[in-house]
ModelCIF file with pLDDT and N, C-alpha, C, O atoms, coordinates in Angstrom:
data_MODEL
#
_entry.id   MODEL 
#
_entity.id                         1 
_entity.type                       polymer 
_entity.pdbx_number_of_molecules   1 
#
_entity_poly.entity_id                      1 
_entity_poly.type                           'polypeptide(L)' 
_entity_poly.nstd_linkage                   no 
_entity_poly.nstd_monomer                   no 
_entity_poly.pdbx_seq_one_letter_code       
;(UNK)(UNK)(UNK)(UNK)(UNK)(UNK)(UNK)(UNK)(UNK)(UNK)(UNK)(UNK)(UNK)(UNK)(UNK)(UNK)
(UNK)(UNK)(UNK)(UNK)(UNK)(UNK)(UNK)(UNK)(UNK)(UNK)(UNK)(UNK)(UNK)(UNK)(UNK)(UNK)
(UNK)(UNK)(UNK)(UNK)
;
_entity_poly.pdbx_seq_one_letter_code_can   XXXXXXXXXXXXXXXXXXXXXXXXXXXXXXXXXXXX 
_entity_poly.pdbx_strand_id                 A 
#
loop_
_entity_poly_seq.entity_id 
_entity_poly_seq.num 
_entity_poly_seq.mon_id 
_entity_poly_seq.hetero 
1 1  UNK n 
1 2  UNK n 
1 3  UNK n 
1 4  UNK n 
1 5  UNK n 
1 6  UNK n 
1 7  UNK n 
1 8  UNK n 
1 9  UNK n 
1 10 UNK n 
1 11 UNK n 
1 12 UNK n 
1 13 UNK n 
1 14 UNK n 
1 15 UNK n 
1 16 UNK n 
1 17 UNK n 
1 18 UNK n 
1 19 UNK n 
1 20 UNK n 
1 21 UNK n 
1 22 UNK n 
1 23 UNK n 
1 24 UNK n 
1 25 UNK n 
1 26 UNK n 
1 27 UNK n 
1 28 UNK n 
1 29 UNK n 
1 30 UNK n 
1 31 UNK n 
1 32 UNK n 
1 33 UNK n 
1 34 UNK n 
1 35 UNK n 
1 36 UNK n 
#
_struct_asym.id          A 
_struct_asym.entity_id   1 
#
loop_
_ma_qa_metric.id 
_ma_qa_metric.mode 
_ma_qa_metric.name 
_ma_qa_metric.software_group_id 
_ma_qa_metric.type 
1 global pLDDT . pLDDT 
2 local  pLDDT . pLDDT 
#
_ma_qa_metric_global.metric_id      1 
_ma_qa_metric_global.metric_value   95.19 
_ma_qa_metric_global.model_id       1 
_ma_qa_metric_global.ordinal_id     1 
#
loop_
_ma_qa_metric_local.label_asym_id 
_ma_qa_metric_local.label_comp_id 
_ma_qa_metric_local.label_seq_id 
_ma_qa_metric_local.metric_id 
_ma_qa_metric_local.metric_value 
_ma_qa_metric_local.model_id 
_ma_qa_metric_local.ordinal_id 
A UNK 1  2 97.00 1 1  
A UNK 2  2 97.00 1 2  
A UNK 3  2 97.00 1 3  
A UNK 4  2 97.00 1 4  
A UNK 5  2 97.00 1 5  
A UNK 6  2 97.00 1 6  
A UNK 7  2 97.00 1 7  
A UNK 8  2 97.00 1 8  
A UNK 9  2 97.00 1 9  
A UNK 10 2 96.00 1 10 
A UNK 11 2 96.00 1 11 
A UNK 12 2 96.00 1 12 
A UNK 13 2 95.00 1 13 
A UNK 14 2 95.00 1 14 
A UNK 15 2 95.00 1 15 
A UNK 16 2 93.00 1 16 
A UNK 17 2 97.00 1 17 
A UNK 18 2 96.00 1 18 
A UNK 19 2 96.00 1 19 
A UNK 20 2 96.00 1 20 
A UNK 21 2 96.00 1 21 
A UNK 22 2 97.00 1 22 
A UNK 23 2 98.00 1 23 
A UNK 24 2 98.00 1 24 
A UNK 25 2 98.00 1 25 
A UNK 26 2 98.00 1 26 
A UNK 27 2 97.00 1 27 
A UNK 28 2 96.00 1 28 
A UNK 29 2 94.00 1 29 
A UNK 30 2 89.00 1 30 
A UNK 31 2 84.00 1 31 
A UNK 32 2 78.00 1 32 
A UNK 33 2 89.00 1 33 
A UNK 34 2 96.00 1 34 
A UNK 35 2 97.00 1 35 
A UNK 36 2 98.00 1 36 
#
loop_
_atom_site.group_PDB 
_atom_site.id 
_atom_site.type_symbol 
_atom_site.label_atom_id 
_atom_site.label_alt_id 
_atom_site.label_comp_id 
_atom_site.label_asym_id 
_atom_site.label_entity_id 
_atom_site.label_seq_id 
_atom_site.pdbx_PDB_ins_code 
_atom_site.Cartn_x 
_atom_site.Cartn_y 
_atom_site.Cartn_z 
_atom_site.occupancy 
_atom_site.B_iso_or_equiv 
_atom_site.pdbx_formal_charge 
_atom_site.auth_seq_id 
_atom_site.auth_comp_id 
_atom_site.auth_asym_id 
_atom_site.auth_atom_id 
_atom_site.pdbx_PDB_model_num 
ATOM 1   N N  . UNK A 1 1  ? 2.083   3.011  1.104   1.00 97.00 ? 1  UNK A N  1 
ATOM 2   C CA . UNK A 1 1  ? 1.665   2.716  2.472   1.00 97.00 ? 1  UNK A CA 1 
ATOM 3   C C  . UNK A 1 1  ? 0.191   3.071  2.672   1.00 97.00 ? 1  UNK A C  1 
ATOM 4   O O  . UNK A 1 1  ? -0.499  2.449  3.479   1.00 97.00 ? 1  UNK A O  1 
ATOM 5   N N  . UNK A 1 2  ? -0.288  4.078  1.928   1.00 97.00 ? 2  UNK A N  1 
ATOM 6   C CA . UNK A 1 2  ? -1.686  4.467  2.017   1.00 97.00 ? 2  UNK A CA 1 
ATOM 7   C C  . UNK A 1 2  ? -2.600  3.325  1.548   1.00 97.00 ? 2  UNK A C  1 
ATOM 8   O O  . UNK A 1 2  ? -3.694  3.136  2.081   1.00 97.00 ? 2  UNK A O  1 
ATOM 9   N N  . UNK A 1 3  ? -2.139  2.572  0.549   1.00 97.00 ? 3  UNK A N  1 
ATOM 10  C CA . UNK A 1 3  ? -2.933  1.443  0.065   1.00 97.00 ? 3  UNK A CA 1 
ATOM 11  C C  . UNK A 1 3  ? -2.877  0.270  1.041   1.00 97.00 ? 3  UNK A C  1 
ATOM 12  O O  . UNK A 1 3  ? -3.851  -0.471 1.175   1.00 97.00 ? 3  UNK A O  1 
ATOM 13  N N  . UNK A 1 4  ? -1.759  0.101  1.714   1.00 97.00 ? 4  UNK A N  1 
ATOM 14  C CA . UNK A 1 4  ? -1.707  -0.917 2.770   1.00 97.00 ? 4  UNK A CA 1 
ATOM 15  C C  . UNK A 1 4  ? -2.691  -0.577 3.895   1.00 97.00 ? 4  UNK A C  1 
ATOM 16  O O  . UNK A 1 4  ? -3.327  -1.469 4.455   1.00 97.00 ? 4  UNK A O  1 
ATOM 17  N N  . UNK A 1 5  ? -2.811  0.694  4.219   1.00 97.00 ? 5  UNK A N  1 
ATOM 18  C CA . UNK A 1 5  ? -3.773  1.100  5.244   1.00 97.00 ? 5  UNK A CA 1 
ATOM 19  C C  . UNK A 1 5  ? -5.191  0.749  4.803   1.00 97.00 ? 5  UNK A C  1 
ATOM 20  O O  . UNK A 1 5  ? -6.009  0.302  5.607   1.00 97.00 ? 5  UNK A O  1 
ATOM 21  N N  . UNK A 1 6  ? -5.471  0.958  3.524   1.00 97.00 ? 6  UNK A N  1 
ATOM 22  C CA . UNK A 1 6  ? -6.792  0.615  2.967   1.00 97.00 ? 6  UNK A CA 1 
ATOM 23  C C  . UNK A 1 6  ? -7.031  -0.887 3.061   1.00 97.00 ? 6  UNK A C  1 
ATOM 24  O O  . UNK A 1 6  ? -8.110  -1.319 3.466   1.00 97.00 ? 6  UNK A O  1 
ATOM 25  N N  . UNK A 1 7  ? -6.022  -1.690 2.684   1.00 97.00 ? 7  UNK A N  1 
ATOM 26  C CA . UNK A 1 7  ? -6.156  -3.145 2.732   1.00 97.00 ? 7  UNK A CA 1 
ATOM 27  C C  . UNK A 1 7  ? -6.322  -3.627 4.175   1.00 97.00 ? 7  UNK A C  1 
ATOM 28  O O  . UNK A 1 7  ? -7.097  -4.547 4.434   1.00 97.00 ? 7  UNK A O  1 
ATOM 29  N N  . UNK A 1 8  ? -5.607  -3.016 5.106   1.00 97.00 ? 8  UNK A N  1 
ATOM 30  C CA . UNK A 1 8  ? -5.718  -3.413 6.508   1.00 97.00 ? 8  UNK A CA 1 
ATOM 31  C C  . UNK A 1 8  ? -7.144  -3.240 7.008   1.00 97.00 ? 8  UNK A C  1 
ATOM 32  O O  . UNK A 1 8  ? -7.673  -4.086 7.728   1.00 97.00 ? 8  UNK A O  1 
ATOM 33  N N  . UNK A 1 9  ? -7.757  -2.132 6.615   1.00 97.00 ? 9  UNK A N  1 
ATOM 34  C CA . UNK A 1 9  ? -9.147  -1.894 7.007   1.00 97.00 ? 9  UNK A CA 1 
ATOM 35  C C  . UNK A 1 9  ? -10.085 -2.853 6.282   1.00 97.00 ? 9  UNK A C  1 
ATOM 36  O O  . UNK A 1 9  ? -11.027 -3.384 6.870   1.00 97.00 ? 9  UNK A O  1 
ATOM 37  N N  . UNK A 1 10 ? -9.812  -3.066 4.998   1.00 96.00 ? 10 UNK A N  1 
ATOM 38  C CA . UNK A 1 10 ? -10.650 -3.939 4.181   1.00 96.00 ? 10 UNK A CA 1 
ATOM 39  C C  . UNK A 1 10 ? -10.627 -5.377 4.686   1.00 96.00 ? 10 UNK A C  1 
ATOM 40  O O  . UNK A 1 10 ? -11.666 -6.037 4.726   1.00 96.00 ? 10 UNK A O  1 
ATOM 41  N N  . UNK A 1 11 ? -9.452  -5.867 5.072   1.00 96.00 ? 11 UNK A N  1 
ATOM 42  C CA . UNK A 1 11 ? -9.295  -7.255 5.483   1.00 96.00 ? 11 UNK A CA 1 
ATOM 43  C C  . UNK A 1 11 ? -9.456  -7.463 6.980   1.00 96.00 ? 11 UNK A C  1 
ATOM 44  O O  . UNK A 1 11 ? -9.559  -8.596 7.450   1.00 96.00 ? 11 UNK A O  1 
ATOM 45  N N  . UNK A 1 12 ? -9.476  -6.364 7.726   1.00 96.00 ? 12 UNK A N  1 
ATOM 46  C CA . UNK A 1 12 ? -9.662  -6.472 9.162   1.00 96.00 ? 12 UNK A CA 1 
ATOM 47  C C  . UNK A 1 12 ? -8.451  -6.981 9.905   1.00 96.00 ? 12 UNK A C  1 
ATOM 48  O O  . UNK A 1 12 ? -8.578  -7.541 10.994  1.00 96.00 ? 12 UNK A O  1 
ATOM 49  N N  . UNK A 1 13 ? -7.274  -6.793 9.330   1.00 95.00 ? 13 UNK A N  1 
ATOM 50  C CA . UNK A 1 13 ? -6.021  -7.180 9.989   1.00 95.00 ? 13 UNK A CA 1 
ATOM 51  C C  . UNK A 1 13 ? -4.892  -6.337 9.426   1.00 95.00 ? 13 UNK A C  1 
ATOM 52  O O  . UNK A 1 13 ? -4.982  -5.812 8.317   1.00 95.00 ? 13 UNK A O  1 
ATOM 53  N N  . UNK A 1 14 ? -3.845  -6.218 10.195  1.00 95.00 ? 14 UNK A N  1 
ATOM 54  C CA . UNK A 1 14 ? -2.729  -5.370 9.778   1.00 95.00 ? 14 UNK A CA 1 
ATOM 55  C C  . UNK A 1 14 ? -1.972  -6.001 8.615   1.00 95.00 ? 14 UNK A C  1 
ATOM 56  O O  . UNK A 1 14 ? -1.562  -7.159 8.683   1.00 95.00 ? 14 UNK A O  1 
ATOM 57  N N  . UNK A 1 15 ? -1.794  -5.229 7.554   1.00 95.00 ? 15 UNK A N  1 
ATOM 58  C CA . UNK A 1 15 ? -1.001  -5.663 6.399   1.00 95.00 ? 15 UNK A CA 1 
ATOM 59  C C  . UNK A 1 15 ? 0.226   -4.771 6.346   1.00 95.00 ? 15 UNK A C  1 
ATOM 60  O O  . UNK A 1 15 ? 0.117   -3.576 6.073   1.00 95.00 ? 15 UNK A O  1 
ATOM 61  N N  . UNK A 1 16 ? 1.379   -5.336 6.603   1.00 93.00 ? 16 UNK A N  1 
ATOM 62  C CA . UNK A 1 16 ? 2.594   -4.544 6.738   1.00 93.00 ? 16 UNK A CA 1 
ATOM 63  C C  . UNK A 1 16 ? 3.450   -4.502 5.497   1.00 93.00 ? 16 UNK A C  1 
ATOM 64  O O  . UNK A 1 16 ? 3.197   -5.239 4.544   1.00 93.00 ? 16 UNK A O  1 
ATOM 65  N N  . UNK A 1 17 ? 4.463   -3.649 5.490   1.00 97.00 ? 17 UNK A N  1 
ATOM 66  C CA . UNK A 1 17 ? 5.372   -3.502 4.349   1.00 97.00 ? 17 UNK A CA 1 
ATOM 67  C C  . UNK A 1 17 ? 5.985   -4.829 3.908   1.00 97.00 ? 17 UNK A C  1 
ATOM 68  O O  . UNK A 1 17 ? 6.375   -5.658 4.730   1.00 97.00 ? 17 UNK A O  1 
ATOM 69  N N  . UNK A 1 18 ? 6.057   -5.004 2.605   1.00 96.00 ? 18 UNK A N  1 
ATOM 70  C CA . UNK A 1 18 ? 6.651   -6.205 2.032   1.00 96.00 ? 18 UNK A CA 1 
ATOM 71  C C  . UNK A 1 18 ? 5.671   -7.327 1.800   1.00 96.00 ? 18 UNK A C  1 
ATOM 72  O O  . UNK A 1 18 ? 6.006   -8.298 1.122   1.00 96.00 ? 18 UNK A O  1 
ATOM 73  N N  . UNK A 1 19 ? 4.461   -7.230 2.342   1.00 96.00 ? 19 UNK A N  1 
ATOM 74  C CA . UNK A 1 19 ? 3.492   -8.322 2.226   1.00 96.00 ? 19 UNK A CA 1 
ATOM 75  C C  . UNK A 1 19 ? 3.186   -8.664 0.774   1.00 96.00 ? 19 UNK A C  1 
ATOM 76  O O  . UNK A 1 19 ? 3.063   -9.839 0.429   1.00 96.00 ? 19 UNK A O  1 
ATOM 77  N N  . UNK A 1 20 ? 3.064   -7.664 -0.072  1.00 96.00 ? 20 UNK A N  1 
ATOM 78  C CA . UNK A 1 20 ? 2.733   -7.899 -1.472  1.00 96.00 ? 20 UNK A CA 1 
ATOM 79  C C  . UNK A 1 20 ? 3.972   -8.122 -2.344  1.00 96.00 ? 20 UNK A C  1 
ATOM 80  O O  . UNK A 1 20 ? 3.863   -8.238 -3.565  1.00 96.00 ? 20 UNK A O  1 
ATOM 81  N N  . UNK A 1 21 ? 5.132   -8.180 -1.721  1.00 96.00 ? 21 UNK A N  1 
ATOM 82  C CA . UNK A 1 21 ? 6.354   -8.472 -2.460  1.00 96.00 ? 21 UNK A CA 1 
ATOM 83  C C  . UNK A 1 21 ? 7.019   -7.255 -3.065  1.00 96.00 ? 21 UNK A C  1 
ATOM 84  O O  . UNK A 1 21 ? 7.859   -7.376 -3.957  1.00 96.00 ? 21 UNK A O  1 
ATOM 85  N N  . UNK A 1 22 ? 6.639   -6.065 -2.574  1.00 97.00 ? 22 UNK A N  1 
ATOM 86  C CA . UNK A 1 22 ? 7.268   -4.855 -3.121  1.00 97.00 ? 22 UNK A CA 1 
ATOM 87  C C  . UNK A 1 22 ? 8.646   -4.639 -2.514  1.00 97.00 ? 22 UNK A C  1 
ATOM 88  O O  . UNK A 1 22 ? 8.922   -5.040 -1.384  1.00 97.00 ? 22 UNK A O  1 
ATOM 89  N N  . UNK A 1 23 ? 9.499   -3.996 -3.294  1.00 98.00 ? 23 UNK A N  1 
ATOM 90  C CA . UNK A 1 23 ? 10.844  -3.656 -2.832  1.00 98.00 ? 23 UNK A CA 1 
ATOM 91  C C  . UNK A 1 23 ? 10.848  -2.402 -1.972  1.00 98.00 ? 23 UNK A C  1 
ATOM 92  O O  . UNK A 1 23 ? 11.567  -2.317 -0.976  1.00 98.00 ? 23 UNK A O  1 
ATOM 93  N N  . UNK A 1 24 ? 10.034  -1.427 -2.371  1.00 98.00 ? 24 UNK A N  1 
ATOM 94  C CA . UNK A 1 24 ? 9.971   -0.166 -1.640  1.00 98.00 ? 24 UNK A CA 1 
ATOM 95  C C  . UNK A 1 24 ? 8.527   0.132  -1.267  1.00 98.00 ? 24 UNK A C  1 
ATOM 96  O O  . UNK A 1 24 ? 7.661   0.238  -2.135  1.00 98.00 ? 24 UNK A O  1 
ATOM 97  N N  . UNK A 1 25 ? 8.277   0.267  0.021   1.00 98.00 ? 25 UNK A N  1 
ATOM 98  C CA . UNK A 1 25 ? 6.990   0.759  0.490   1.00 98.00 ? 25 UNK A CA 1 
ATOM 99  C C  . UNK A 1 25 ? 7.150   2.265  0.667   1.00 98.00 ? 25 UNK A C  1 
ATOM 100 O O  . UNK A 1 25 ? 8.049   2.715  1.378   1.00 98.00 ? 25 UNK A O  1 
ATOM 101 N N  . UNK A 1 26 ? 6.283   3.046  0.024   1.00 98.00 ? 26 UNK A N  1 
ATOM 102 C CA . UNK A 1 26 ? 6.474   4.494  0.003   1.00 98.00 ? 26 UNK A CA 1 
ATOM 103 C C  . UNK A 1 26 ? 5.200   5.211  0.423   1.00 98.00 ? 26 UNK A C  1 
ATOM 104 O O  . UNK A 1 26 ? 4.108   4.647  0.353   1.00 98.00 ? 26 UNK A O  1 
ATOM 105 N N  . UNK A 1 27 ? 5.346   6.440  0.853   1.00 97.00 ? 27 UNK A N  1 
ATOM 106 C CA . UNK A 1 27 ? 4.203   7.281  1.182   1.00 97.00 ? 27 UNK A CA 1 
ATOM 107 C C  . UNK A 1 27 ? 4.231   8.540  0.332   1.00 97.00 ? 27 UNK A C  1 
ATOM 108 O O  . UNK A 1 27 ? 5.295   9.040  -0.033  1.00 97.00 ? 27 UNK A O  1 
ATOM 109 N N  . UNK A 1 28 ? 3.039   9.045  0.024   1.00 96.00 ? 28 UNK A N  1 
ATOM 110 C CA . UNK A 1 28 ? 2.935   10.301 -0.700  1.00 96.00 ? 28 UNK A CA 1 
ATOM 111 C C  . UNK A 1 28 ? 2.851   10.184 -2.208  1.00 96.00 ? 28 UNK A C  1 
ATOM 112 O O  . UNK A 1 28 ? 2.619   11.180 -2.892  1.00 96.00 ? 28 UNK A O  1 
ATOM 113 N N  . UNK A 1 29 ? 3.036   8.978  -2.739  1.00 94.00 ? 29 UNK A N  1 
ATOM 114 C CA . UNK A 1 29 ? 2.960   8.791  -4.183  1.00 94.00 ? 29 UNK A CA 1 
ATOM 115 C C  . UNK A 1 29 ? 1.519   9.008  -4.642  1.00 94.00 ? 29 UNK A C  1 
ATOM 116 O O  . UNK A 1 29 ? 0.600   8.515  -3.987  1.00 94.00 ? 29 UNK A O  1 
ATOM 117 N N  . UNK A 1 30 ? 1.287   9.729  -5.744  1.00 89.00 ? 30 UNK A N  1 
ATOM 118 C CA . UNK A 1 30 ? -0.080  9.996  -6.182  1.00 89.00 ? 30 UNK A CA 1 
ATOM 119 C C  . UNK A 1 30 ? -0.869  8.722  -6.456  1.00 89.00 ? 30 UNK A C  1 
ATOM 120 O O  . UNK A 1 30 ? -0.308  7.698  -6.847  1.00 89.00 ? 30 UNK A O  1 
ATOM 121 N N  . UNK A 1 31 ? -2.150  8.802  -6.248  1.00 84.00 ? 31 UNK A N  1 
ATOM 122 C CA . UNK A 1 31 ? -3.072  7.698  -6.525  1.00 84.00 ? 31 UNK A CA 1 
ATOM 123 C C  . UNK A 1 31 ? -4.202  8.230  -7.401  1.00 84.00 ? 31 UNK A C  1 
ATOM 124 O O  . UNK A 1 31 ? -4.455  9.434  -7.400  1.00 84.00 ? 31 UNK A O  1 
ATOM 125 N N  . UNK A 1 32 ? -4.894  7.358  -8.157  1.00 78.00 ? 32 UNK A N  1 
ATOM 126 C CA . UNK A 1 32 ? -4.743  5.917  -8.166  1.00 78.00 ? 32 UNK A CA 1 
ATOM 127 C C  . UNK A 1 32 ? -3.705  5.412  -9.170  1.00 78.00 ? 32 UNK A C  1 
ATOM 128 O O  . UNK A 1 32 ? -3.237  4.280  -9.047  1.00 78.00 ? 32 UNK A O  1 
ATOM 129 N N  . UNK A 1 33 ? -3.343  6.220  -10.149 1.00 89.00 ? 33 UNK A N  1 
ATOM 130 C CA . UNK A 1 33 ? -2.367  5.785  -11.147 1.00 89.00 ? 33 UNK A CA 1 
ATOM 131 C C  . UNK A 1 33 ? -1.373  6.890  -11.411 1.00 89.00 ? 33 UNK A C  1 
ATOM 132 O O  . UNK A 1 33 ? -1.657  8.064  -11.174 1.00 89.00 ? 33 UNK A O  1 
ATOM 133 N N  . UNK A 1 34 ? -0.209  6.515  -11.900 1.00 96.00 ? 34 UNK A N  1 
ATOM 134 C CA . UNK A 1 34 ? 0.826   7.492  -12.206 1.00 96.00 ? 34 UNK A CA 1 
ATOM 135 C C  . UNK A 1 34 ? 1.252   7.276  -13.653 1.00 96.00 ? 34 UNK A C  1 
ATOM 136 O O  . UNK A 1 34 ? 1.274   6.139  -14.126 1.00 96.00 ? 34 UNK A O  1 
ATOM 137 N N  . UNK A 1 35 ? 1.588   8.337  -14.355 1.00 97.00 ? 35 UNK A N  1 
ATOM 138 C CA . UNK A 1 35 ? 1.901   8.232  -15.772 1.00 97.00 ? 35 UNK A CA 1 
ATOM 139 C C  . UNK A 1 35 ? 3.176   7.433  -16.015 1.00 97.00 ? 35 UNK A C  1 
ATOM 140 O O  . UNK A 1 35 ? 4.196   7.656  -15.363 1.00 97.00 ? 35 UNK A O  1 
ATOM 141 N N  . UNK A 1 36 ? 3.106   6.505  -16.956 1.00 98.00 ? 36 UNK A N  1 
ATOM 142 C CA . UNK A 1 36 ? 4.297   5.782  -17.390 1.00 98.00 ? 36 UNK A CA 1 
ATOM 143 C C  . UNK A 1 36 ? 5.304   6.791  -17.939 1.00 98.00 ? 36 UNK A C  1 
ATOM 144 O O  . UNK A 1 36 ? 6.392   6.408  -18.367 1.00 98.00 ? 36 UNK A O  1 
#
């Protein structure tokens, strides 16, 4: 969800959950990458 907030600011419009086709929109997951 933190990345959606970034995209919303970047694109100048609200980008909501599911827009990118994800199954689970989550908060608190580490960024920018997580170990496989």
